[in-house]
Amino acid sequence: MKTRKSVFFIVFFLIIAFAATTVFGVKNQYGDLTTVYIKGLNEIRLGIDIQGGVDVTFGPEDGVDATSDQLTSVEEVMKTRMISLGINDYEVYKDDSNDKVIVRFPWQTGESDFDPEAAVAELGETAKLTFRAGYNYTTDVDDNGNQTVNPSGDIILEGTDVDEAYVQLDYDSSGHQTGKYAVALKLKESGVEAFEAATAAAANGDSAYLDTMGSGSNHVISIWMDRTCISYPKVEKAISGDSCTITGEFDYDGAKSLADKINGGALPFNLKTETFKTISPSMGKGALHIMMISGVIALCIIMIYMIVLYRLPGFVAAIALLGQVAGTLAVISGWFGFESSNTLTIPGIAGIILAIGMGVDCNIITGERIKEELNTGKSLDSALKSAYKRSFTSILDGNMTVIIVAIILMGAFGVSSSFFAKMLKFLFTWFGVSTEGTIYSFGFTLLTGVIFNFIMGVLASRLMLTSLSKFKCFQNRKLYGGAEK
C-alpha cells in the first residue's frame, strides 16, 4: 500500500523536474566558460516568421551553364545541410532559367552574435562527397551542447571520382524486375581501381569495413555528404569495372533523392553568392512575447477550469497538461539525446495549442467517465479502473486520427512520396503556401504533442489518480465528481 501511495509523488516530482529543466535548461558556469548540458527555451531556434533570417541566391562560378539536374543536386545538398543543422523552417528552390538556387533560413538563436555572412559562406561551400570504409563515426560536443559528427574510416572515393548517379529499375538474380528501384553509379577512371580493391576487401570480411553503427555484422561502404551519412550499402561481392548499383527498399523518389545527393557532391563547379540580404520577421518578437504570455494565461485558466469542474481528477489533469506541454517543448529544444533541436515557427506554436486542446479533450472524457461509473454505485477503485478502460478507446480513436493527419503533413513537406503527401503538397503550392518547413513544423509539433498526450494524459494521470485514491483523505467520492454513497 505504501508503495502505491508513493507513486503520485514520484510521478509528480518527475514531471515538475522535467518541466523545469525544459524551461531553464541545465548549465554550468565556470568563469567565462559556460557548459550547456540541456538546452532551455532560450536556446530554441525561432523561425523566419518570428525573428527574421537570411535570403541568399547561389549560382555557379566561372560562368558555367548548369543543367537542370545539376541545380536539382545543389538543391538536395542545401536541404541536407539544413536538416543536419536541425532547421526545418527553410525554403530551397531553383531557378532553371537563370541557373540560380535560392535559400532562405532563420537567424541562429542568440542572433546578436550570429554572423550571417559566415553562415552563408559555410552553406555555399562545395559539398564534399566521400565513400569510406565501414560505417563508423565519432561526435564532438561544444560548450553550447551542439554535436558535430566526424566520419571515420579510410576514404575510398571522393565526389570527383564519380561520373554520375542515376535511377534504374531493380532486377533480381534471375533477371526479373522486383518492382523497386536502384541507384546506378558510373565511376571515372580515377576511381575504378580503388573501388574494386575496397569492395573485394569488404566482401572478404575485412574488419575495417564493418558496420559498427548499424547492424554490427554487415561489411559496408558508407557514403557521406560532408558530415552526414546518406547511405551505407552492404557489399556482397567484389565489383570490377566502372559501374555498380545500390539496391534496397527504394521507391522512385527515394532512389532519385540519393542519386541527386551523390551527383551534388560531384558537381563540376563551385558555388558563389550572387545576392545576400536579411529578412525582417513577418510577426516579430513582440508578437512572440504576447503569444507566450497569452499561452501561459490560457493554460492557467484551463487548469483552474479542470480543477473546478472535475476536482481531484481535474487537479491530476492539470499536472498532466503541464507535462504534455513540457514534453513538446523538450523535443523542439533537443532535450532528448536522440532528437536534435528543431525550429519553432508560428504554425509550430499552433500545433502545440491544438495538441493541448486534444489533451484537454482526453481529460474531459476521462473525468466524465469517472463521474458516470461512480454514479452507478461502484466502489472508488472499480470506478477508476472501469472509467480509464472505457475512455481509452475514445481517446485512442480521436488521437490516432490527429496522428495520421500530422504524419501526412510532415510527409508532404518532408520526405514522403505517398499519393496523399504529393496531393497535399500540390494543393498548398497551388495556393501559394510555402511547402518546405512551415507546414512541416505544424505537423511536427502536433504529432509530438499528441504522443505526449498519451504519455501524460493517459498513463501518468492514471498512475497519479489511482495512487491518490489510496489515501484515506482522498476517498471521498465527491472529490471525483460522484454523489456520496
Protein backbone atom coordinates (compact mmCIF):
# COMPACT_ATOMS: atom_id res chain seq x y z
CA MET A 1 0.00 0.00 0.00
CA LYS A 2 2.79 2.44 0.87
CA THR A 3 4.45 1.72 -2.45
CA ARG A 4 1.26 2.55 -4.34
CA LYS A 5 0.80 5.75 -2.35
CA SER A 6 4.29 6.94 -3.23
CA VAL A 7 3.62 6.65 -6.98
CA PHE A 8 1.86 10.04 -7.08
CA PHE A 9 4.82 11.86 -5.54
CA ILE A 10 7.32 10.10 -7.80
CA VAL A 11 5.40 10.94 -10.99
CA PHE A 12 4.57 14.47 -9.79
CA PHE A 13 8.18 15.40 -8.98
CA LEU A 14 9.43 13.81 -12.22
CA ILE A 15 7.02 15.97 -14.22
CA ILE A 16 7.96 19.13 -12.30
CA ALA A 17 11.69 18.43 -12.68
CA PHE A 18 11.21 17.65 -16.38
CA ALA A 19 9.27 20.89 -16.93
CA ALA A 20 11.84 22.97 -15.00
CA THR A 21 14.82 21.61 -16.96
CA THR A 22 12.91 22.10 -20.22
CA VAL A 23 12.23 25.77 -19.46
CA PHE A 24 15.54 26.78 -17.87
CA GLY A 25 17.91 24.11 -19.18
CA VAL A 26 20.90 22.75 -17.29
CA LYS A 27 24.16 24.72 -17.47
CA ASN A 28 27.42 25.01 -15.61
CA GLN A 29 29.17 28.36 -15.36
CA TYR A 30 32.90 28.27 -14.64
CA GLY A 31 34.41 31.70 -15.07
CA ASP A 32 33.72 32.79 -18.64
CA LEU A 33 33.13 29.22 -19.76
CA THR A 34 29.51 28.02 -19.93
CA THR A 35 28.84 24.31 -20.42
CA VAL A 36 25.31 23.50 -21.60
CA TYR A 37 24.07 20.04 -20.66
CA ILE A 38 20.41 20.57 -21.53
CA LYS A 39 19.17 23.43 -23.71
CA GLY A 40 16.42 25.63 -22.29
CA LEU A 41 13.72 27.58 -24.10
CA ASN A 42 16.14 30.47 -24.70
CA GLU A 43 18.22 28.20 -26.95
CA ILE A 44 15.35 27.20 -29.25
CA ARG A 45 15.90 28.36 -32.82
CA LEU A 46 12.99 30.56 -33.89
CA GLY A 47 11.53 30.61 -37.39
CA ILE A 48 11.79 33.29 -40.02
CA ASP A 49 8.24 34.44 -39.30
CA ILE A 50 9.16 35.17 -35.66
CA GLN A 51 12.67 36.62 -35.75
CA GLY A 52 13.65 37.00 -39.40
CA GLY A 53 16.51 35.38 -41.24
CA VAL A 54 18.65 35.29 -44.36
CA ASP A 55 17.82 35.19 -48.08
CA VAL A 56 20.73 34.16 -50.32
CA THR A 57 21.00 33.32 -54.02
CA PHE A 58 23.73 30.95 -55.19
CA GLY A 59 24.99 30.49 -58.74
CA PRO A 60 27.81 28.58 -60.46
CA GLU A 61 31.28 30.13 -60.62
CA ASP A 62 33.27 30.74 -63.79
CA GLY A 63 30.18 31.28 -65.95
CA VAL A 64 29.25 27.61 -66.03
CA ASP A 65 25.93 26.88 -67.73
CA ALA A 66 24.40 24.49 -65.17
CA THR A 67 21.89 21.87 -66.23
CA SER A 68 18.56 21.35 -64.51
CA ASP A 69 19.83 18.07 -63.00
CA GLN A 70 22.88 19.79 -61.56
CA LEU A 71 20.74 22.51 -59.97
CA THR A 72 18.48 19.82 -58.53
CA SER A 73 21.56 18.22 -56.99
CA VAL A 74 22.58 21.53 -55.41
CA GLU A 75 19.03 21.88 -54.10
CA GLU A 76 19.29 18.46 -52.43
CA VAL A 77 22.65 19.33 -50.88
CA MET A 78 21.22 22.53 -49.37
CA LYS A 79 18.28 20.62 -47.90
CA THR A 80 20.63 18.01 -46.44
CA ARG A 81 22.69 20.72 -44.76
CA MET A 82 19.60 22.43 -43.33
CA ILE A 83 18.30 19.17 -41.89
CA SER A 84 21.71 18.35 -40.38
CA LEU A 85 21.61 21.74 -38.60
CA GLY A 86 18.16 20.98 -37.15
CA ILE A 87 16.49 23.72 -39.23
CA ASN A 88 13.07 22.73 -40.53
CA ASP A 89 11.82 26.26 -41.28
CA TYR A 90 13.69 26.78 -44.54
CA GLU A 91 12.96 27.33 -48.20
CA VAL A 92 15.13 25.97 -51.01
CA TYR A 93 14.18 26.21 -54.66
CA LYS A 94 15.93 26.51 -58.02
CA ASP A 95 15.60 28.93 -60.93
CA ASP A 96 16.43 26.93 -64.07
CA SER A 97 16.18 29.90 -66.42
CA ASN A 98 18.88 31.86 -64.56
CA ASP A 99 20.98 28.99 -63.16
CA LYS A 100 20.28 30.01 -59.56
CA VAL A 101 19.43 28.29 -56.28
CA ILE A 102 17.63 30.41 -53.68
CA VAL A 103 17.86 29.57 -49.97
CA ARG A 104 16.00 31.20 -47.06
CA PHE A 105 16.65 30.22 -43.43
CA PRO A 106 16.12 31.80 -39.98
CA TRP A 107 18.63 33.51 -37.73
CA GLN A 108 20.57 31.38 -35.30
CA THR A 109 19.41 31.51 -31.67
CA GLY A 110 21.18 34.40 -29.92
CA GLU A 111 21.12 36.40 -33.17
CA SER A 112 23.06 39.31 -31.65
CA ASP A 113 26.22 37.17 -32.00
CA PHE A 114 25.18 35.49 -35.24
CA ASP A 115 27.33 36.22 -38.30
CA PRO A 116 25.02 35.72 -41.30
CA GLU A 117 27.81 36.21 -43.85
CA ALA A 118 29.86 33.42 -42.27
CA ALA A 119 26.79 31.17 -42.24
CA VAL A 120 26.13 31.87 -45.92
CA ALA A 121 29.78 31.22 -46.78
CA GLU A 122 29.68 27.89 -44.95
CA LEU A 123 26.39 26.96 -46.61
CA GLY A 124 27.75 27.74 -50.07
CA GLU A 125 30.91 25.67 -49.71
CA THR A 126 31.10 22.91 -52.29
CA ALA A 127 29.68 19.75 -50.73
CA LYS A 128 32.32 17.09 -50.17
CA LEU A 129 31.18 13.61 -51.09
CA THR A 130 33.25 10.72 -49.75
CA PHE A 131 32.98 6.94 -49.86
CA ARG A 132 34.50 5.46 -46.69
CA ALA A 133 35.41 2.02 -45.39
CA GLY A 134 32.75 0.73 -42.99
CA TYR A 135 30.17 2.81 -41.19
CA ASN A 136 31.55 4.47 -38.08
CA TYR A 137 31.82 7.97 -36.65
CA THR A 138 32.57 9.95 -33.51
CA THR A 139 30.80 13.01 -32.11
CA ASP A 140 32.17 16.17 -30.50
CA VAL A 141 30.06 18.36 -28.23
CA ASP A 142 30.90 22.06 -27.82
CA ASP A 143 30.22 24.25 -24.79
CA ASN A 144 26.69 25.01 -26.00
CA GLY A 145 25.75 21.35 -26.32
CA ASN A 146 25.92 21.32 -30.14
CA GLN A 147 27.07 18.00 -31.59
CA THR A 148 29.46 17.64 -34.52
CA VAL A 149 29.69 14.33 -36.36
CA ASN A 150 33.15 13.23 -37.51
CA PRO A 151 33.02 10.34 -40.01
CA SER A 152 35.62 7.60 -39.52
CA GLY A 153 37.04 5.06 -41.94
CA ASP A 154 39.55 5.45 -44.74
CA ILE A 155 38.37 7.47 -47.74
CA ILE A 156 37.98 5.21 -50.79
CA LEU A 157 36.46 7.63 -53.31
CA GLU A 158 35.59 11.32 -53.47
CA GLY A 159 32.93 13.13 -55.42
CA THR A 160 35.39 13.87 -58.22
CA ASP A 161 35.75 10.11 -58.83
CA VAL A 162 32.04 9.73 -59.61
CA ASP A 163 30.95 10.44 -63.17
CA GLU A 164 27.21 10.28 -62.49
CA ALA A 165 24.48 8.60 -60.45
CA TYR A 166 21.06 7.82 -61.86
CA VAL A 167 17.91 5.80 -61.14
CA GLN A 168 17.18 2.47 -62.79
CA LEU A 169 14.81 -0.43 -62.26
CA ASP A 170 15.94 -3.13 -59.85
CA TYR A 171 16.26 -6.75 -61.01
CA ASP A 172 16.69 -9.97 -59.04
CA SER A 173 19.33 -12.65 -59.68
CA SER A 174 17.06 -14.24 -62.33
CA GLY A 175 16.78 -11.01 -64.29
CA HIS A 176 13.19 -10.28 -63.29
CA GLN A 177 12.02 -6.85 -62.19
CA THR A 178 11.43 -6.60 -58.43
CA GLY A 179 9.08 -3.62 -58.68
CA LYS A 180 11.63 -1.47 -56.85
CA TYR A 181 14.33 0.93 -57.93
CA ALA A 182 18.10 1.09 -57.57
CA VAL A 183 20.77 3.79 -57.82
CA ALA A 184 23.32 3.15 -60.56
CA LEU A 185 26.82 4.61 -60.22
CA LYS A 186 29.21 5.25 -63.08
CA LEU A 187 32.78 5.87 -61.93
CA LYS A 188 35.55 7.81 -63.58
CA GLU A 189 38.78 6.04 -64.40
CA SER A 190 40.42 7.58 -61.33
CA GLY A 191 38.13 5.63 -59.01
CA VAL A 192 37.77 2.22 -60.66
CA GLU A 193 40.86 0.53 -59.21
CA ALA A 194 40.35 1.86 -55.66
CA PHE A 195 36.69 0.87 -55.66
CA GLU A 196 37.45 -2.67 -56.88
CA ALA A 197 40.04 -3.14 -54.12
CA ALA A 198 37.66 -1.79 -51.47
CA THR A 199 34.71 -3.96 -52.49
CA ALA A 200 36.98 -7.04 -52.58
CA ALA A 201 38.20 -6.31 -49.04
CA ALA A 202 34.64 -5.77 -47.79
CA ALA A 203 33.36 -8.95 -49.47
CA ASN A 204 36.19 -10.91 -47.80
CA GLY A 205 35.14 -9.67 -44.36
CA ASP A 206 37.88 -7.09 -43.69
CA SER A 207 37.14 -5.65 -40.21
CA ALA A 208 37.80 -2.11 -41.47
CA TYR A 209 34.55 -2.35 -43.45
CA LEU A 210 32.35 -3.48 -40.53
CA ASP A 211 29.07 -1.64 -39.97
CA THR A 212 29.70 -0.80 -36.30
CA MET A 213 26.98 1.87 -36.01
CA GLY A 214 24.18 -0.17 -37.61
CA SER A 215 23.79 -3.93 -37.81
CA GLY A 216 27.22 -4.60 -36.29
CA SER A 217 27.71 -7.56 -38.64
CA ASN A 218 27.47 -6.35 -42.24
CA HIS A 219 30.50 -5.15 -44.17
CA VAL A 220 29.67 -1.91 -45.93
CA ILE A 221 30.95 1.15 -47.71
CA SER A 222 29.38 4.31 -46.29
CA ILE A 223 28.62 7.38 -48.41
CA TRP A 224 28.95 10.76 -46.69
CA MET A 225 27.81 14.23 -47.73
CA ASP A 226 30.03 16.49 -45.63
CA ARG A 227 29.31 15.14 -42.12
CA THR A 228 26.02 13.42 -42.96
CA CYS A 229 25.85 9.74 -43.92
CA ILE A 230 23.39 9.42 -46.82
CA SER A 231 23.77 5.65 -47.37
CA TYR A 232 25.81 2.66 -46.23
CA PRO A 233 25.13 -0.22 -48.66
CA LYS A 234 26.23 -3.76 -47.85
CA VAL A 235 28.97 -5.16 -50.09
CA GLU A 236 28.16 -8.70 -51.20
CA LYS A 237 30.88 -9.25 -53.79
CA ALA A 238 33.89 -7.59 -55.38
CA ILE A 239 32.93 -5.12 -58.11
CA SER A 240 35.15 -4.58 -61.12
CA GLY A 241 34.64 -2.09 -63.90
CA ASP A 242 33.33 1.44 -63.84
CA SER A 243 29.71 0.80 -62.83
CA CYS A 244 27.76 -0.63 -59.89
CA THR A 245 24.32 -0.38 -58.31
CA ILE A 246 23.00 0.40 -54.84
CA THR A 247 19.88 -1.64 -54.11
CA GLY A 248 17.46 -1.61 -51.20
CA GLU A 249 13.87 -0.77 -50.34
CA PHE A 250 13.83 2.18 -52.75
CA ASP A 251 10.78 3.66 -54.41
CA TYR A 252 11.47 6.04 -57.29
CA ASP A 253 11.59 9.22 -55.19
CA GLY A 254 13.91 7.62 -52.63
CA ALA A 255 16.32 6.43 -55.29
CA LYS A 256 16.14 9.79 -57.09
CA SER A 257 16.91 11.67 -53.85
CA LEU A 258 20.01 9.55 -53.17
CA ALA A 259 21.19 9.90 -56.76
CA ASP A 260 20.76 13.69 -56.60
CA LYS A 261 22.77 13.87 -53.39
CA ILE A 262 25.60 11.81 -54.89
CA ASN A 263 25.57 13.96 -58.01
CA GLY A 264 25.56 17.05 -55.80
CA GLY A 265 28.88 16.02 -54.31
CA ALA A 266 30.30 15.55 -57.78
CA LEU A 267 29.25 18.86 -59.30
CA PRO A 268 31.88 20.15 -61.76
CA PHE A 269 31.56 23.73 -60.47
CA ASN A 270 31.80 25.69 -57.24
CA LEU A 271 29.03 27.90 -55.94
CA LYS A 272 29.26 31.63 -55.44
CA THR A 273 26.94 34.01 -53.61
CA GLU A 274 25.04 36.11 -56.12
CA THR A 275 22.88 38.11 -53.71
CA PHE A 276 22.58 38.25 -49.95
CA LYS A 277 20.04 40.04 -47.78
CA THR A 278 18.47 39.84 -44.35
CA ILE A 279 14.75 39.23 -43.86
CA SER A 280 12.63 41.07 -41.32
CA PRO A 281 10.25 38.92 -39.24
CA SER A 282 6.68 38.87 -40.52
CA MET A 283 5.31 38.69 -36.96
CA GLY A 284 8.14 39.98 -34.82
CA LYS A 285 9.44 39.08 -31.38
CA GLY A 286 6.86 41.34 -29.77
CA ALA A 287 4.18 39.05 -31.16
CA LEU A 288 6.06 36.04 -29.76
CA HIS A 289 6.12 37.53 -26.26
CA ILE A 290 2.41 38.31 -26.48
CA MET A 291 1.68 34.76 -27.60
CA MET A 292 3.80 33.32 -24.79
CA ILE A 293 2.03 35.41 -22.14
CA SER A 294 -1.36 34.59 -23.66
CA GLY A 295 -0.47 30.90 -23.76
CA VAL A 296 0.57 30.83 -20.10
CA ILE A 297 -2.62 32.67 -19.06
CA ALA A 298 -4.78 30.35 -21.19
CA LEU A 299 -3.06 27.25 -19.75
CA CYS A 300 -3.64 28.51 -16.19
CA ILE A 301 -7.32 29.21 -16.92
CA ILE A 302 -7.74 25.74 -18.41
CA MET A 303 -6.10 24.17 -15.35
CA ILE A 304 -8.34 26.10 -12.97
CA TYR A 305 -11.40 25.17 -15.03
CA MET A 306 -10.45 21.48 -14.96
CA ILE A 307 -9.95 21.57 -11.19
CA VAL A 308 -13.27 23.34 -10.56
CA LEU A 309 -15.21 21.05 -12.88
CA TYR A 310 -13.62 17.68 -12.06
CA ARG A 311 -11.98 18.35 -8.69
CA LEU A 312 -9.28 15.79 -7.91
CA PRO A 313 -9.19 14.27 -11.45
CA GLY A 314 -9.01 17.85 -12.72
CA PHE A 315 -6.02 18.57 -10.48
CA VAL A 316 -4.24 15.50 -11.84
CA ALA A 317 -5.22 16.51 -15.39
CA ALA A 318 -3.63 19.94 -14.84
CA ILE A 319 -0.33 18.30 -13.88
CA ALA A 320 -0.56 16.02 -16.94
CA LEU A 321 -1.17 19.03 -19.23
CA LEU A 322 1.92 20.72 -17.82
CA GLY A 323 3.92 17.59 -18.58
CA GLN A 324 2.48 17.42 -22.11
CA VAL A 325 3.50 21.00 -22.93
CA ALA A 326 6.94 20.48 -21.39
CA GLY A 327 7.41 17.30 -23.43
CA THR A 328 6.60 19.01 -26.71
CA LEU A 329 8.95 21.92 -25.98
CA ALA A 330 11.65 19.49 -24.84
CA VAL A 331 11.61 17.73 -28.21
CA ILE A 332 11.86 21.08 -30.00
CA SER A 333 14.80 22.26 -27.85
CA GLY A 334 16.67 18.97 -28.19
CA TRP A 335 16.23 17.88 -24.55
CA PHE A 336 16.31 14.23 -25.62
CA GLY A 337 19.63 12.96 -26.85
CA PHE A 338 18.18 11.03 -29.80
CA GLU A 339 16.47 14.11 -31.26
CA SER A 340 18.30 17.25 -32.41
CA SER A 341 16.79 20.66 -31.79
CA ASN A 342 14.15 21.92 -34.22
CA THR A 343 12.90 25.30 -35.34
CA LEU A 344 9.86 26.82 -33.65
CA THR A 345 7.56 28.72 -36.04
CA ILE A 346 4.14 30.35 -35.75
CA PRO A 347 2.46 27.25 -37.30
CA GLY A 348 4.51 25.17 -34.87
CA ILE A 349 3.04 27.11 -31.96
CA ALA A 350 -0.42 26.50 -33.47
CA GLY A 351 0.38 22.76 -33.45
CA ILE A 352 1.26 22.92 -29.75
CA ILE A 353 -2.01 24.73 -28.98
CA LEU A 354 -4.07 22.20 -30.95
CA ALA A 355 -2.31 19.33 -29.14
CA ILE A 356 -3.16 20.96 -25.79
CA GLY A 357 -6.78 21.02 -26.93
CA MET A 358 -6.55 17.29 -27.60
CA GLY A 359 -5.09 16.85 -24.13
CA VAL A 360 -7.97 18.74 -22.53
CA ASP A 361 -10.45 16.64 -24.51
CA CYS A 362 -8.70 13.48 -23.27
CA ASN A 363 -9.04 14.54 -19.65
CA ILE A 364 -12.67 15.65 -20.06
CA ILE A 365 -13.58 12.23 -21.47
CA THR A 366 -11.86 10.51 -18.54
CA GLY A 367 -13.40 12.84 -15.97
CA GLU A 368 -16.91 12.28 -17.30
CA ARG A 369 -16.39 8.52 -17.35
CA ILE A 370 -15.32 8.60 -13.69
CA LYS A 371 -18.48 10.51 -12.78
CA GLU A 372 -20.66 8.05 -14.67
CA GLU A 373 -19.05 5.00 -13.07
CA LEU A 374 -19.33 6.43 -9.56
CA ASN A 375 -22.99 7.33 -10.08
CA THR A 376 -23.76 3.68 -10.93
CA GLY A 377 -22.83 2.79 -7.37
CA LYS A 378 -19.44 1.19 -7.99
CA SER A 379 -16.65 1.39 -5.44
CA LEU A 380 -13.97 4.03 -6.00
CA ASP A 381 -11.32 1.55 -7.15
CA SER A 382 -13.71 -0.22 -9.52
CA ALA A 383 -14.99 3.10 -10.90
CA LEU A 384 -11.48 4.37 -11.67
CA LYS A 385 -10.43 1.14 -13.39
CA SER A 386 -13.61 0.97 -15.44
CA ALA A 387 -13.51 4.68 -16.34
CA TYR A 388 -9.95 4.56 -17.66
CA LYS A 389 -10.73 1.37 -19.58
CA ARG A 390 -13.88 2.80 -21.18
CA SER A 391 -12.33 6.17 -22.01
CA PHE A 392 -9.19 4.72 -23.60
CA THR A 393 -10.96 3.59 -26.79
CA SER A 394 -12.47 7.03 -27.41
CA ILE A 395 -9.17 8.76 -26.66
CA LEU A 396 -7.26 6.38 -28.92
CA ASP A 397 -9.66 6.89 -31.85
CA GLY A 398 -9.54 10.68 -31.62
CA ASN A 399 -5.79 10.91 -31.19
CA MET A 400 -4.98 8.37 -33.90
CA THR A 401 -6.92 10.48 -36.39
CA VAL A 402 -4.80 13.51 -35.50
CA ILE A 403 -1.60 11.44 -35.62
CA ILE A 404 -2.42 10.30 -39.17
CA VAL A 405 -3.04 13.90 -40.28
CA ALA A 406 0.20 15.09 -38.63
CA ILE A 407 2.24 12.32 -40.28
CA ILE A 408 0.75 13.15 -43.69
CA LEU A 409 1.58 16.84 -43.21
CA MET A 410 5.14 16.02 -42.17
CA GLY A 411 5.47 13.63 -45.10
CA ALA A 412 4.01 16.06 -47.61
CA PHE A 413 6.57 18.67 -46.67
CA GLY A 414 9.37 16.37 -45.66
CA VAL A 415 10.45 13.16 -47.38
CA SER A 416 7.30 11.13 -48.04
CA SER A 417 6.36 10.12 -51.57
CA SER A 418 2.86 8.87 -50.83
CA PHE A 419 -0.06 9.91 -53.03
CA PHE A 420 -1.69 11.89 -50.20
CA ALA A 421 1.59 13.65 -49.38
CA LYS A 422 2.05 14.68 -53.02
CA MET A 423 -1.57 15.82 -53.26
CA LEU A 424 -1.29 17.98 -50.15
CA LYS A 425 1.99 19.45 -51.33
CA PHE A 426 0.43 20.29 -54.69
CA LEU A 427 -2.60 21.95 -53.08
CA PHE A 428 -0.53 24.10 -50.71
CA THR A 429 1.83 25.11 -53.51
CA TRP A 430 -1.17 25.99 -55.74
CA PHE A 431 -2.47 28.39 -53.09
CA GLY A 432 0.96 29.96 -52.64
CA VAL A 433 1.83 28.42 -49.26
CA SER A 434 5.49 27.58 -48.60
CA THR A 435 5.96 23.82 -48.50
CA GLU A 436 9.50 23.45 -47.22
CA GLY A 437 9.32 23.81 -43.45
CA THR A 438 6.33 25.85 -42.34
CA ILE A 439 3.65 23.18 -42.58
CA TYR A 440 6.15 20.52 -41.56
CA SER A 441 6.69 22.45 -38.32
CA PHE A 442 2.94 22.42 -37.64
CA GLY A 443 2.72 18.67 -38.23
CA PHE A 444 5.83 18.01 -36.12
CA THR A 445 4.63 19.85 -33.01
CA LEU A 446 1.12 18.45 -33.40
CA LEU A 447 2.42 14.87 -33.62
CA THR A 448 4.77 15.38 -30.66
CA GLY A 449 2.03 16.93 -28.56
CA VAL A 450 -0.41 14.10 -29.24
CA ILE A 451 2.22 11.48 -28.36
CA PHE A 452 2.86 13.21 -25.05
CA ASN A 453 -0.90 13.40 -24.57
CA PHE A 454 -0.88 9.59 -24.44
CA ILE A 455 2.11 9.52 -22.09
CA MET A 456 0.90 12.21 -19.70
CA GLY A 457 -2.89 12.33 -20.16
CA VAL A 458 -3.42 8.57 -20.16
CA LEU A 459 -0.50 6.85 -18.42
CA ALA A 460 0.84 9.44 -15.95
CA SER A 461 -2.59 10.77 -14.91
CA ARG A 462 -3.85 7.25 -14.27
CA LEU A 463 -0.83 6.44 -12.10
CA MET A 464 -1.24 9.66 -10.11
CA LEU A 465 -5.00 9.43 -9.61
CA THR A 466 -5.07 5.76 -8.60
CA SER A 467 -2.22 6.49 -6.20
CA LEU A 468 -4.09 9.41 -4.58
CA SER A 469 -7.20 7.27 -4.24
CA LYS A 470 -5.29 5.04 -1.78
CA PHE A 471 -5.08 7.88 0.74
CA LYS A 472 -7.97 7.90 3.19
CA CYS A 473 -8.35 11.69 2.92
CA PHE A 474 -8.91 11.36 -0.85
CA GLN A 475 -11.50 8.58 -0.75
CA ASN A 476 -14.49 10.92 -0.56
CA ARG A 477 -16.48 10.24 -3.74
CA LYS A 478 -17.38 13.94 -4.04
CA LEU A 479 -13.73 14.67 -4.81
CA TYR A 480 -14.18 12.70 -8.03
CA GLY A 481 -17.47 14.29 -9.07
CA GLY A 482 -19.68 11.47 -7.81
CA ALA A 483 -22.52 11.56 -5.34
CA GLU A 484 -21.65 10.50 -1.80
CA LYS A 485 -22.53 6.85 -1.26
